[in-house]
Amino acid sequence: MCARISKALLAVVCATPLACAGHGVRLAASGTVDTLISHRVDMVGTLSVDALRALLHSRFSHQPTLQRLLGAPVCGVRVYKFLYATVGGQGEATDASGALMVPTGAAAQCRGPRPILLYAHGTSLQRTADMSAVNDPANAQYVWSTDVALVFATQGDLVIAPNYAGYDLSTLPYHPYFNAAQQSQDALDSLTAGRQLLRQLGRRIYANGKLFISGYSEGGFVAMATLRALDRRGRPATAGAPLSGPYARLAFMDEIFLGHPNAGGTEFLPMELNSYAHLKRGSIDPRRILSGKFQNATKLFPAKTGFNDLTKLVAAGDIPATAVFQSESTGPDAPGFSAARYPALAILPEGAPLYKAGFDPSKYLISTAFRAAYIADVDAHPDGGAPIDGSAPNLAAHVPLMPGMPGLPLRKILETNDLRNYTPSMPLLMCGGYGDPTVFWDQSTAIMNAVLESKVAAHPGLRFVTLDLDISKGATGTYVEHGLSPARNAALESRDARLQAAFTDYQHAVDASMGTRAYHYHIDEEPYCMVAARSFFEQY
């Protein structure tokens, strides 16, 4: 189905004056009346209420509390795929595709004026990932797209979901991963095009002027950057809910280099380095960062290979399984780095969440010489969100400010893409989990919460909620609220307490059967945060 639709859409696009760059015809400008490239309406999928109800029960069969909190589907969903003009990481004109999910049915909330939800998906390693693939279980984005349909579109939201430049039908040969300026523009271009398509449909459902923005993981970062971009333009969203995103890019990467590689780092780091090799100014050369054995790692993702085929790449020697860094030598003739040559590295931990699995004496992703240079820059210009001794930041006692003027080019880029300088004007919900091994709580949600709390006196209009789903360590979990009305806060706190309890109970079973890596992905943290986001948006 996916290939057939793609060819049909490309035929439409390349027959118009706004056709694909890959076919030698001028692209439309992003953010204009021509942002929607294809002006033919193509419905590519449908989900009936009965199909959605069956999907709800099958997907969350072991999570009865989550099913109750999600609620029974009210609307069916009709899905349209569209192409839109946007920009690449260097500002070059390019294109991308996206999905528009339209509620269907006779219920009152499935017709008439409805809010728009702009939803940004998380990292995919597979280039063919497509948020319109609600009827294609073989597509890498099937679970994500149907989760978004289950949580939002079935309750009456009009959903616009970009696939991003570099994925699906996009002609851009790379993905501008964690490039805040590009990704926020990409998301806004998809919003513009989705609205243009919605007006063309001329059906009984239409936008009511409310705009909610959310996203998970990479999409949480994109959502926060997009909210910032709208605020800078003086057109704030109605409310925002960035979910488990690595917002503090500099502190997050510093934490990794200080001895705490994250789960999935051997796949995510090459994508980020390749993104930063395609900047308008200040690009880096990944060959100076990657170890000799893995110089081609930046060419692997996103590609035809997805998460399920990683074992093949590892077996072929194309990428290390989990080792981001070289481990210290255990003796004079043993492989590994010399403590005498790299004393600053020798004192750092082989720490959580991967411990020794994040290190290897001979098969590791990042050059040891580059890691030493990175740590030297950390020592000279420390980030308050990632203490140089590898300990957890004391966010209650110190506001985790960014360093001034880091010297290393990569750290300069990370600082540019760090979102700690953003003060939202609209109500904001942030959600994540303390034990997340992929997107660290301290360098993502907790750090943004600490920064926002420090701004309350200067910005009395701040309204935000911070939710930690994970209460597995016997604590009560995190629920921080500021600026909400008592009625709104009471409704959210009650719902979120049930989410915390349900998530933590389920998480124990998942860790026992699948390991901690499952924590961050579709079956675990993501749907709970999405339900929290929907509850938050319902207050506005």
Protein backbone atom coordinates (compact mmCIF):
# COMPACT_ATOMS: atom_id res chain seq x y z
CA MET A 1 0.00 0.00 0.00
CA CYS A 2 2.70 2.45 0.98
CA ALA A 3 4.66 2.12 -2.28
CA ARG A 4 1.51 2.42 -4.41
CA ILE A 5 0.40 5.58 -2.66
CA SER A 6 3.86 7.10 -2.81
CA LYS A 7 4.08 6.65 -6.58
CA ALA A 8 0.60 8.08 -7.09
CA LEU A 9 1.34 11.13 -5.00
CA LEU A 10 4.67 11.70 -6.72
CA ALA A 11 2.93 11.55 -10.09
CA VAL A 12 0.51 14.23 -8.98
CA VAL A 13 3.19 16.42 -7.50
CA CYS A 14 5.57 16.27 -10.43
CA ALA A 15 2.81 17.13 -12.87
CA THR A 16 2.29 20.54 -11.25
CA PRO A 17 4.35 23.76 -11.33
CA LEU A 18 5.26 23.15 -7.68
CA ALA A 19 6.94 19.84 -8.36
CA CYS A 20 9.74 17.94 -6.66
CA ALA A 21 13.29 19.22 -6.47
CA GLY A 22 14.45 15.74 -7.42
CA HIS A 23 12.70 16.14 -10.78
CA GLY A 24 14.35 19.45 -11.60
CA VAL A 25 11.30 21.67 -11.05
CA ARG A 26 11.11 24.60 -8.68
CA LEU A 27 9.74 23.95 -5.21
CA ALA A 28 7.20 26.23 -3.58
CA ALA A 29 8.44 28.46 -0.80
CA SER A 30 7.79 27.19 2.71
CA GLY A 31 5.23 29.01 4.86
CA THR A 32 3.29 30.45 1.88
CA VAL A 33 -0.05 29.84 0.20
CA ASP A 34 1.77 27.28 -1.93
CA THR A 35 3.26 25.30 0.97
CA LEU A 36 0.89 22.45 0.13
CA ILE A 37 2.53 20.97 -2.94
CA SER A 38 -0.11 18.46 -4.00
CA HIS A 39 -3.49 20.06 -4.58
CA ARG A 40 -5.29 16.78 -5.13
CA VAL A 41 -6.97 15.32 -2.06
CA ASP A 42 -5.74 11.76 -1.47
CA MET A 43 -7.34 9.69 1.28
CA VAL A 44 -4.91 6.90 2.17
CA GLY A 45 -6.45 5.21 5.20
CA THR A 46 -9.53 4.80 7.35
CA LEU A 47 -10.16 3.44 10.82
CA SER A 48 -13.72 2.73 11.94
CA VAL A 49 -14.82 3.08 15.55
CA ASP A 50 -15.08 -0.72 15.77
CA ALA A 51 -11.55 -1.17 14.36
CA LEU A 52 -10.20 1.42 16.78
CA ARG A 53 -11.95 -0.22 19.71
CA ALA A 54 -10.42 -3.59 18.77
CA LEU A 55 -7.00 -1.97 18.37
CA LEU A 56 -7.29 -0.32 21.79
CA HIS A 57 -7.96 -3.65 23.49
CA SER A 58 -5.31 -5.62 21.59
CA ARG A 59 -2.50 -3.10 21.90
CA PHE A 60 -3.01 -2.43 25.59
CA SER A 61 -4.34 -5.83 26.59
CA HIS A 62 -2.11 -5.95 29.68
CA GLN A 63 -2.77 -2.33 30.65
CA PRO A 64 -6.42 -2.14 31.76
CA THR A 65 -5.98 1.13 33.66
CA LEU A 66 -4.44 2.77 30.59
CA GLN A 67 -7.37 1.54 28.50
CA ARG A 68 -9.82 3.15 30.92
CA LEU A 69 -7.86 6.40 30.95
CA LEU A 70 -7.70 6.43 27.14
CA GLY A 71 -11.45 5.95 26.96
CA ALA A 72 -13.55 4.30 24.29
CA PRO A 73 -13.14 5.70 20.76
CA VAL A 74 -15.91 8.12 19.91
CA CYS A 75 -15.01 8.96 16.31
CA GLY A 76 -13.70 7.02 13.37
CA VAL A 77 -10.65 8.44 11.58
CA ARG A 78 -10.06 9.27 7.94
CA VAL A 79 -6.40 9.86 6.99
CA TYR A 80 -5.04 12.01 4.16
CA LYS A 81 -1.44 12.17 3.02
CA PHE A 82 0.05 15.40 1.71
CA LEU A 83 3.33 16.85 0.47
CA TYR A 84 4.60 20.22 1.57
CA ALA A 85 7.46 22.60 0.84
CA THR A 86 9.97 23.15 3.60
CA VAL A 87 13.71 23.73 4.11
CA GLY A 88 16.73 21.58 4.91
CA GLY A 89 19.40 22.09 7.53
CA GLN A 90 21.34 24.46 5.28
CA GLY A 91 18.25 26.50 4.42
CA GLU A 92 17.92 24.78 1.07
CA ALA A 93 14.45 24.34 -0.46
CA THR A 94 13.16 20.79 -0.10
CA ASP A 95 9.97 18.85 0.52
CA ALA A 96 8.41 16.50 3.05
CA SER A 97 5.22 14.55 3.55
CA GLY A 98 2.72 14.43 6.36
CA ALA A 99 -0.61 13.09 7.53
CA LEU A 100 -3.93 14.80 8.23
CA MET A 101 -6.25 12.79 10.49
CA VAL A 102 -9.89 13.84 10.34
CA PRO A 103 -12.48 12.49 12.82
CA THR A 104 -15.60 10.93 11.32
CA GLY A 105 -18.97 9.94 12.75
CA ALA A 106 -22.30 11.28 13.92
CA ALA A 107 -21.27 12.19 17.50
CA ALA A 108 -21.17 15.90 18.25
CA GLN A 109 -17.42 15.97 18.88
CA CYS A 110 -16.74 14.36 15.49
CA ARG A 111 -18.31 17.21 13.52
CA GLY A 112 -18.24 20.99 13.30
CA PRO A 113 -15.47 23.22 14.67
CA ARG A 114 -12.63 21.23 16.24
CA PRO A 115 -9.11 22.03 17.58
CA ILE A 116 -5.99 21.22 15.59
CA LEU A 117 -3.29 19.09 17.19
CA LEU A 118 0.16 19.34 15.60
CA TYR A 119 1.95 16.13 16.60
CA ALA A 120 5.69 15.51 16.11
CA HIS A 121 6.82 11.88 16.12
CA GLY A 122 9.90 10.40 17.75
CA THR A 123 13.08 9.12 16.12
CA SER A 124 12.75 6.53 13.39
CA LEU A 125 15.72 4.78 11.80
CA GLN A 126 13.68 3.77 8.77
CA ARG A 127 13.47 6.27 5.93
CA THR A 128 10.06 5.00 4.79
CA ALA A 129 8.44 5.91 8.15
CA ASP A 130 5.05 7.47 7.40
CA MET A 131 2.51 8.87 9.88
CA SER A 132 -0.30 8.28 7.37
CA ALA A 133 0.28 4.50 7.44
CA VAL A 134 -2.59 3.69 9.82
CA ASN A 135 -3.57 0.65 7.73
CA ASP A 136 -0.04 -0.63 7.06
CA PRO A 137 1.38 -2.64 10.01
CA ALA A 138 4.59 -3.19 8.04
CA ASN A 139 5.43 0.52 8.11
CA ALA A 140 7.87 1.66 10.80
CA GLN A 141 5.45 4.37 11.91
CA TYR A 142 2.33 2.22 12.12
CA VAL A 143 2.29 1.97 15.92
CA TRP A 144 3.02 5.66 16.36
CA SER A 145 0.39 6.78 13.86
CA THR A 146 -2.32 4.54 15.29
CA ASP A 147 -1.44 5.61 18.85
CA VAL A 148 -1.93 9.24 17.83
CA ALA A 149 -5.24 8.30 16.21
CA LEU A 150 -6.36 6.40 19.33
CA VAL A 151 -5.48 9.15 21.80
CA PHE A 152 -6.41 12.29 19.88
CA ALA A 153 -8.32 11.87 16.61
CA THR A 154 -10.87 9.41 18.06
CA GLN A 155 -11.83 12.09 20.59
CA GLY A 156 -12.44 14.70 17.90
CA ASP A 157 -9.09 16.43 17.34
CA LEU A 158 -7.92 17.31 13.84
CA VAL A 159 -4.37 15.92 13.76
CA ILE A 160 -1.54 17.17 11.55
CA ALA A 161 1.56 14.98 11.78
CA PRO A 162 4.70 15.72 9.73
CA ASN A 163 7.01 12.93 8.60
CA TYR A 164 9.92 15.44 8.56
CA ALA A 165 12.41 16.26 5.81
CA GLY A 166 14.57 13.25 5.02
CA TYR A 167 11.78 10.69 5.49
CA ASP A 168 9.19 8.97 3.32
CA LEU A 169 8.71 10.93 0.05
CA SER A 170 11.13 13.73 0.95
CA THR A 171 13.91 14.31 -1.57
CA LEU A 172 16.33 15.57 1.12
CA PRO A 173 19.13 12.96 1.40
CA TYR A 174 19.60 13.43 5.18
CA HIS A 175 17.45 14.23 8.21
CA PRO A 176 18.16 17.52 10.10
CA TYR A 177 18.06 15.73 13.46
CA PHE A 178 17.93 18.01 16.54
CA ASN A 179 18.34 21.11 14.40
CA ALA A 180 15.91 23.36 16.28
CA ALA A 181 15.60 26.07 13.62
CA GLN A 182 15.00 23.63 10.77
CA GLN A 183 12.73 21.24 12.66
CA SER A 184 10.48 23.98 14.00
CA GLN A 185 10.17 25.45 10.49
CA ASP A 186 9.47 21.97 9.11
CA ALA A 187 6.71 21.46 11.68
CA LEU A 188 5.18 24.88 10.96
CA ASP A 189 5.29 24.20 7.22
CA SER A 190 3.41 20.95 7.78
CA LEU A 191 0.86 22.89 9.84
CA THR A 192 0.41 25.45 7.07
CA ALA A 193 0.01 22.74 4.43
CA GLY A 194 -2.31 20.67 6.61
CA ARG A 195 -4.57 23.67 7.15
CA GLN A 196 -4.59 24.32 3.41
CA LEU A 197 -5.62 20.71 2.78
CA LEU A 198 -8.29 20.88 5.47
CA ARG A 199 -9.87 23.90 3.76
CA GLN A 200 -9.93 21.99 0.47
CA LEU A 201 -11.84 19.10 2.02
CA GLY A 202 -14.86 21.32 2.69
CA ARG A 203 -16.50 18.79 4.97
CA ARG A 204 -18.60 19.13 8.09
CA ILE A 205 -15.56 19.39 10.36
CA TYR A 206 -13.25 22.37 10.41
CA ALA A 207 -10.71 24.14 12.63
CA ASN A 208 -12.07 26.19 15.52
CA GLY A 209 -8.98 28.37 16.02
CA LYS A 210 -7.43 26.36 18.87
CA LEU A 211 -3.95 24.95 18.25
CA PHE A 212 -2.34 22.36 20.49
CA ILE A 213 1.23 21.17 19.91
CA SER A 214 2.71 17.96 21.23
CA GLY A 215 5.30 15.33 20.37
CA TYR A 216 7.33 12.59 21.98
CA SER A 217 11.10 11.98 22.25
CA GLU A 218 12.63 13.69 19.19
CA GLY A 219 9.12 15.00 18.70
CA GLY A 220 9.15 16.44 22.22
CA PHE A 221 12.20 18.47 21.23
CA VAL A 222 10.47 19.48 17.97
CA ALA A 223 7.31 20.47 19.85
CA MET A 224 9.23 22.67 22.30
CA ALA A 225 11.21 24.30 19.47
CA THR A 226 7.99 24.89 17.51
CA LEU A 227 6.24 26.47 20.49
CA ARG A 228 9.25 28.77 20.84
CA ALA A 229 9.14 29.66 17.14
CA LEU A 230 5.46 30.58 17.37
CA ASP A 231 6.06 32.69 20.48
CA ARG A 232 8.86 34.53 18.70
CA ARG A 233 6.44 35.33 15.87
CA GLY A 234 3.82 36.59 18.31
CA ARG A 235 1.40 33.76 17.40
CA PRO A 236 1.43 31.44 20.43
CA ALA A 237 -0.32 28.09 20.45
CA THR A 238 -3.32 27.55 22.73
CA ALA A 239 -1.31 25.08 24.83
CA GLY A 240 1.72 22.80 24.44
CA ALA A 241 2.75 19.37 25.70
CA PRO A 242 6.33 18.38 24.82
CA LEU A 243 6.84 14.79 26.01
CA SER A 244 10.15 13.20 27.07
CA GLY A 245 12.29 15.30 24.74
CA PRO A 246 16.03 16.01 25.17
CA TYR A 247 15.51 19.77 25.43
CA ALA A 248 18.87 20.62 27.03
CA ARG A 249 20.96 19.39 24.10
CA LEU A 250 24.30 20.54 25.53
CA ALA A 251 23.79 19.09 29.01
CA PHE A 252 22.39 15.89 27.48
CA MET A 253 25.43 15.30 25.28
CA ASP A 254 27.83 16.30 28.06
CA GLU A 255 26.23 13.67 30.29
CA ILE A 256 26.83 11.03 27.61
CA PHE A 257 30.49 12.00 27.12
CA LEU A 258 31.02 12.10 30.90
CA GLY A 259 30.48 8.35 31.01
CA HIS A 260 26.74 7.75 30.68
CA PRO A 261 25.92 6.60 27.12
CA ASN A 262 22.18 6.26 26.59
CA ALA A 263 20.27 3.29 25.23
CA GLY A 264 20.25 3.59 21.43
CA GLY A 265 23.21 5.96 21.33
CA THR A 266 25.06 4.06 18.61
CA GLU A 267 22.13 4.74 16.25
CA PHE A 268 21.13 8.23 17.37
CA LEU A 269 24.60 9.82 17.54
CA PRO A 270 25.47 9.15 13.86
CA MET A 271 22.20 10.77 12.80
CA GLU A 272 22.91 13.84 14.89
CA LEU A 273 26.47 14.17 13.62
CA ASN A 274 25.22 13.87 10.05
CA SER A 275 22.66 16.59 10.75
CA TYR A 276 25.34 18.92 12.07
CA ALA A 277 27.45 18.22 8.99
CA HIS A 278 24.67 19.96 7.02
CA LEU A 279 24.39 23.38 8.62
CA LYS A 280 24.27 26.74 6.93
CA ARG A 281 27.14 27.90 9.15
CA GLY A 282 29.54 26.10 11.47
CA SER A 283 29.17 22.57 10.11
CA ILE A 284 31.30 19.78 11.56
CA ASP A 285 33.18 16.93 9.89
CA PRO A 286 31.95 13.62 11.40
CA ARG A 287 35.12 11.87 10.21
CA ARG A 288 37.03 13.72 12.94
CA ILE A 289 34.60 12.49 15.58
CA LEU A 290 33.93 8.86 14.66
CA SER A 291 36.42 6.09 15.34
CA GLY A 292 38.28 4.59 12.40
CA LYS A 293 36.17 1.43 12.14
CA PHE A 294 32.89 3.29 11.88
CA GLN A 295 33.59 6.19 9.56
CA ASN A 296 30.52 5.34 7.47
CA ALA A 297 28.08 5.29 10.40
CA THR A 298 26.50 8.62 9.42
CA LYS A 299 25.34 7.06 6.14
CA LEU A 300 23.30 4.34 7.82
CA PHE A 301 20.28 6.24 9.17
CA PRO A 302 17.59 6.99 8.27
CA ALA A 303 17.67 4.28 5.63
CA LYS A 304 15.79 1.18 4.56
CA THR A 305 17.08 -0.49 7.69
CA GLY A 306 15.00 0.02 10.78
CA PHE A 307 15.32 -0.90 14.45
CA ASN A 308 14.56 -4.56 13.74
CA ASP A 309 17.56 -4.99 11.43
CA LEU A 310 20.20 -3.52 13.75
CA THR A 311 21.56 -6.97 14.53
CA LYS A 312 22.44 -7.37 10.84
CA LEU A 313 24.40 -4.13 10.83
CA VAL A 314 26.21 -5.12 14.00
CA ALA A 315 27.03 -8.57 12.61
CA ALA A 316 28.35 -6.97 9.42
CA GLY A 317 30.61 -4.67 11.46
CA ASP A 318 28.87 -1.52 10.25
CA ILE A 319 28.04 -0.24 13.74
CA PRO A 320 28.79 -1.28 17.31
CA ALA A 321 25.93 -2.87 19.23
CA THR A 322 25.97 -0.58 22.26
CA ALA A 323 29.52 0.70 22.77
CA VAL A 324 29.75 4.45 22.25
CA PHE A 325 33.24 4.88 23.75
CA GLN A 326 36.50 2.98 24.13
CA SER A 327 37.10 1.37 27.51
CA GLU A 328 40.37 1.62 29.44
CA SER A 329 43.03 -1.01 28.82
CA THR A 330 43.29 -3.72 31.45
CA GLY A 331 47.02 -4.26 30.97
CA PRO A 332 50.13 -3.34 28.94
CA ASP A 333 49.23 -5.54 25.96
CA ALA A 334 45.45 -5.41 26.26
CA PRO A 335 43.29 -3.32 23.90
CA GLY A 336 41.75 -0.12 25.19
CA PHE A 337 42.95 3.42 25.86
CA SER A 338 45.96 4.13 28.06
CA ALA A 339 45.20 5.83 31.36
CA ALA A 340 48.60 7.49 31.19
CA ARG A 341 47.72 9.07 27.83
CA TYR A 342 44.12 9.95 28.74
CA PRO A 343 44.03 10.53 32.50
CA ALA A 344 40.91 12.70 32.32
CA LEU A 345 39.01 9.82 30.72
CA ALA A 346 40.36 7.20 33.11
CA ILE A 347 38.70 8.86 36.11
CA LEU A 348 35.25 8.95 34.49
CA PRO A 349 32.69 6.19 35.16
CA GLU A 350 31.45 3.50 32.86
CA GLY A 351 28.09 4.48 34.19
CA ALA A 352 24.33 4.10 34.00
CA PRO A 353 22.24 3.18 32.17
CA LEU A 354 24.47 0.91 30.06
CA TYR A 355 27.54 0.61 32.32
CA LYS A 356 30.16 -1.59 30.62
CA ALA A 357 27.86 -2.24 27.67
CA GLY A 358 28.41 1.37 26.62
CA PHE A 359 32.16 0.79 26.29
CA ASP A 360 34.42 -1.59 24.40
CA PRO A 361 38.24 -1.76 24.04
CA SER A 362 38.23 -2.10 20.24
CA LYS A 363 34.68 -1.74 18.76
CA TYR A 364 33.39 1.69 19.76
CA LEU A 365 31.70 4.54 17.91
CA ILE A 366 33.44 7.77 19.00
CA SER A 367 37.14 8.47 18.58
CA THR A 368 38.92 8.43 21.94
CA ALA A 369 41.00 11.45 20.95
CA PHE A 370 37.81 13.37 20.19
CA ARG A 371 36.22 12.31 23.45
CA ALA A 372 39.30 13.60 25.30
CA ALA A 373 38.99 16.96 23.48
CA TYR A 374 35.29 17.10 24.34
CA ILE A 375 35.96 16.45 28.04
CA ALA A 376 38.68 19.10 28.04
CA ASP A 377 36.11 21.61 26.78
CA VAL A 378 33.62 20.44 29.41
CA ASP A 379 36.24 21.05 32.10
CA ALA A 380 36.94 24.53 30.71
CA HIS A 381 33.28 25.43 30.11
CA PRO A 382 31.09 23.21 32.36
CA ASP A 383 27.34 22.97 31.96
CA GLY A 384 25.40 23.17 35.22
CA GLY A 385 23.06 20.42 34.02
CA ALA A 386 25.83 17.81 33.75
CA PRO A 387 28.36 17.98 36.64
CA ILE A 388 31.89 17.20 35.51
CA ASP A 389 32.32 14.48 38.16
CA GLY A 390 29.52 12.45 36.56
CA SER A 391 27.12 12.92 39.48
CA ALA A 392 23.46 13.87 39.16
CA PRO A 393 22.81 17.62 39.08
CA ASN A 394 21.33 19.14 42.21
CA LEU A 395 18.46 20.85 40.43
CA ALA A 396 16.80 21.90 43.68
CA ALA A 397 19.82 23.92 44.78
CA HIS A 398 21.27 25.24 41.51
CA VAL A 399 19.69 26.50 38.31
CA PRO A 400 21.39 24.50 35.53
CA LEU A 401 22.62 27.33 33.35
CA MET A 402 24.51 26.77 30.12
CA PRO A 403 28.20 27.67 29.92
CA GLY A 404 29.28 30.80 28.16
CA MET A 405 31.06 30.32 24.84
CA PRO A 406 32.11 26.64 24.72
CA GLY A 407 35.19 26.24 22.54
CA LEU A 408 34.59 22.92 20.77
CA PRO A 409 32.58 23.29 17.54
CA LEU A 410 30.23 20.41 18.40
CA ARG A 411 29.44 21.91 21.83
CA LYS A 412 28.82 25.30 20.19
CA ILE A 413 26.23 23.68 17.92
CA LEU A 414 24.63 21.89 20.85
CA GLU A 415 24.39 25.16 22.77
CA THR A 416 22.70 26.77 19.75
CA ASN A 417 20.09 24.00 19.77
CA ASP A 418 19.58 23.95 23.53
CA LEU A 419 16.05 25.05 24.48
CA ARG A 420 16.65 26.18 28.06
CA ASN A 421 16.45 29.82 27.02
CA TYR A 422 12.76 29.46 26.12
CA THR A 423 10.07 30.98 28.34
CA PRO A 424 6.65 29.79 27.11
CA SER A 425 3.75 32.21 27.01
CA MET A 426 1.09 29.47 26.77
CA PRO A 427 0.17 26.73 29.27
CA LEU A 428 2.75 23.94 29.08
CA LEU A 429 2.77 20.29 30.19
CA MET A 430 6.02 18.33 30.29
CA CYS A 431 5.97 14.57 30.88
CA GLY A 432 8.62 11.86 31.17
CA GLY A 433 9.97 9.12 33.39
CA TYR A 434 12.77 9.30 35.94
CA GLY A 435 14.20 5.91 34.91
CA ASP A 436 14.23 6.56 31.15
CA PRO A 437 17.50 5.09 29.78
CA THR A 438 17.18 6.80 26.38
CA VAL A 439 16.15 10.38 27.21
CA PHE A 440 17.56 11.16 30.63
CA TRP A 441 15.07 12.74 33.03
CA ASP A 442 17.64 15.08 34.61
CA GLN A 443 18.87 16.49 31.28
CA SER A 444 15.40 16.76 29.73
CA THR A 445 12.19 17.35 31.65
CA ALA A 446 13.69 17.97 35.10
CA ILE A 447 16.19 20.53 33.83
CA MET A 448 13.49 22.48 31.96
CA ASN A 449 11.30 22.38 35.07
CA ALA A 450 14.14 23.79 37.20
CA VAL A 451 14.75 26.60 34.71
CA LEU A 452 11.05 27.49 34.52
CA GLU A 453 10.73 27.48 38.30
CA SER A 454 13.65 29.92 38.48
CA LYS A 455 11.76 32.29 36.13
CA VAL A 456 8.49 32.46 38.06
CA ALA A 457 9.32 35.69 39.91
CA ALA A 458 10.30 37.47 36.68
CA HIS A 459 7.47 35.93 34.65
CA PRO A 460 4.39 35.70 36.90
CA GLY A 461 2.24 34.64 33.95
CA LEU A 462 4.03 31.28 33.59
CA ARG A 463 1.67 28.29 33.58
CA PHE A 464 3.18 24.81 33.54
CA VAL A 465 2.85 21.26 34.83
CA THR A 466 5.73 18.78 35.10
CA LEU A 467 4.88 15.09 35.41
CA ASP A 468 7.25 12.23 36.27
CA LEU A 469 5.40 8.99 35.57
CA ASP A 470 7.89 6.83 37.45
CA ILE A 471 7.23 6.17 41.14
CA SER A 472 9.08 2.85 41.20
CA LYS A 473 11.65 3.92 43.77
CA GLY A 474 9.06 4.36 46.47
CA ALA A 475 8.80 8.12 46.09
CA THR A 476 5.55 9.89 45.37
CA GLY A 477 6.75 10.92 41.93
CA THR A 478 6.99 14.40 40.52
CA TYR A 479 3.96 16.54 39.93
CA VAL A 480 4.91 20.21 39.79
CA GLU A 481 2.32 22.83 38.99
CA HIS A 482 2.48 26.58 38.67
CA GLY A 483 -0.10 29.12 37.54
CA LEU A 484 -3.06 26.80 36.90
CA SER A 485 -6.47 27.49 38.38
CA PRO A 486 -7.40 25.29 41.38
CA ALA A 487 -10.09 23.49 39.35
CA ARG A 488 -7.77 22.69 36.46
CA ASN A 489 -4.99 21.60 38.79
CA ALA A 490 -7.29 19.29 40.79
CA ALA A 491 -8.55 17.55 37.65
CA LEU A 492 -5.04 17.08 36.24
CA GLU A 493 -3.42 15.96 39.48
CA SER A 494 -6.06 13.29 40.03
CA ARG A 495 -5.70 11.93 36.49
CA ASP A 496 -1.91 12.08 36.59
CA ALA A 497 -1.72 10.18 39.89
CA ARG A 498 -3.61 7.32 38.23
CA LEU A 499 -1.24 7.46 35.26
CA GLN A 500 1.79 7.29 37.57
CA ALA A 501 0.47 4.24 39.41
CA ALA A 502 -0.52 2.44 36.21
CA PHE A 503 2.73 3.20 34.42
CA THR A 504 4.92 2.07 37.32
CA ASP A 505 3.02 -1.21 37.78
CA TYR A 506 3.31 -1.99 34.08
CA GLN A 507 6.95 -0.91 33.90
CA HIS A 508 8.05 -3.54 36.40
CA ALA A 509 6.64 -6.28 34.17
CA VAL A 510 8.20 -4.81 31.03
CA ASP A 511 11.66 -4.52 32.61
CA ALA A 512 11.47 -8.12 33.77
CA SER A 513 10.55 -9.46 30.32
CA MET A 514 12.12 -7.07 27.81
CA GLY A 515 14.80 -5.05 29.60
CA THR A 516 15.00 -1.35 30.27
CA ARG A 517 15.30 -0.31 26.62
CA ALA A 518 11.56 -0.87 26.19
CA TYR A 519 10.95 1.93 28.74
CA HIS A 520 11.10 4.77 26.23
CA TYR A 521 9.31 3.25 23.27
CA HIS A 522 5.74 2.88 21.99
CA ILE A 523 4.54 0.17 24.36
CA ASP A 524 5.56 1.95 27.52
CA GLU A 525 6.16 5.59 28.48
CA GLU A 526 4.79 7.18 25.30
CA PRO A 527 1.05 6.35 25.53
CA TYR A 528 0.90 7.36 29.20
CA CYS A 529 2.43 10.75 28.42
CA MET A 530 0.06 11.15 25.46
CA VAL A 531 -2.95 10.58 27.73
CA ALA A 532 -1.56 13.19 30.14
CA ALA A 533 -1.23 15.60 27.20
CA ARG A 534 -4.81 15.03 26.09
CA SER A 535 -6.10 15.61 29.63
CA PHE A 536 -4.10 18.84 29.76
CA PHE A 537 -5.43 20.08 26.43
CA GLU A 538 -9.01 19.32 27.51
CA GLN A 539 -8.61 22.03 30.16
CA TYR A 540 -8.21 24.65 27.38
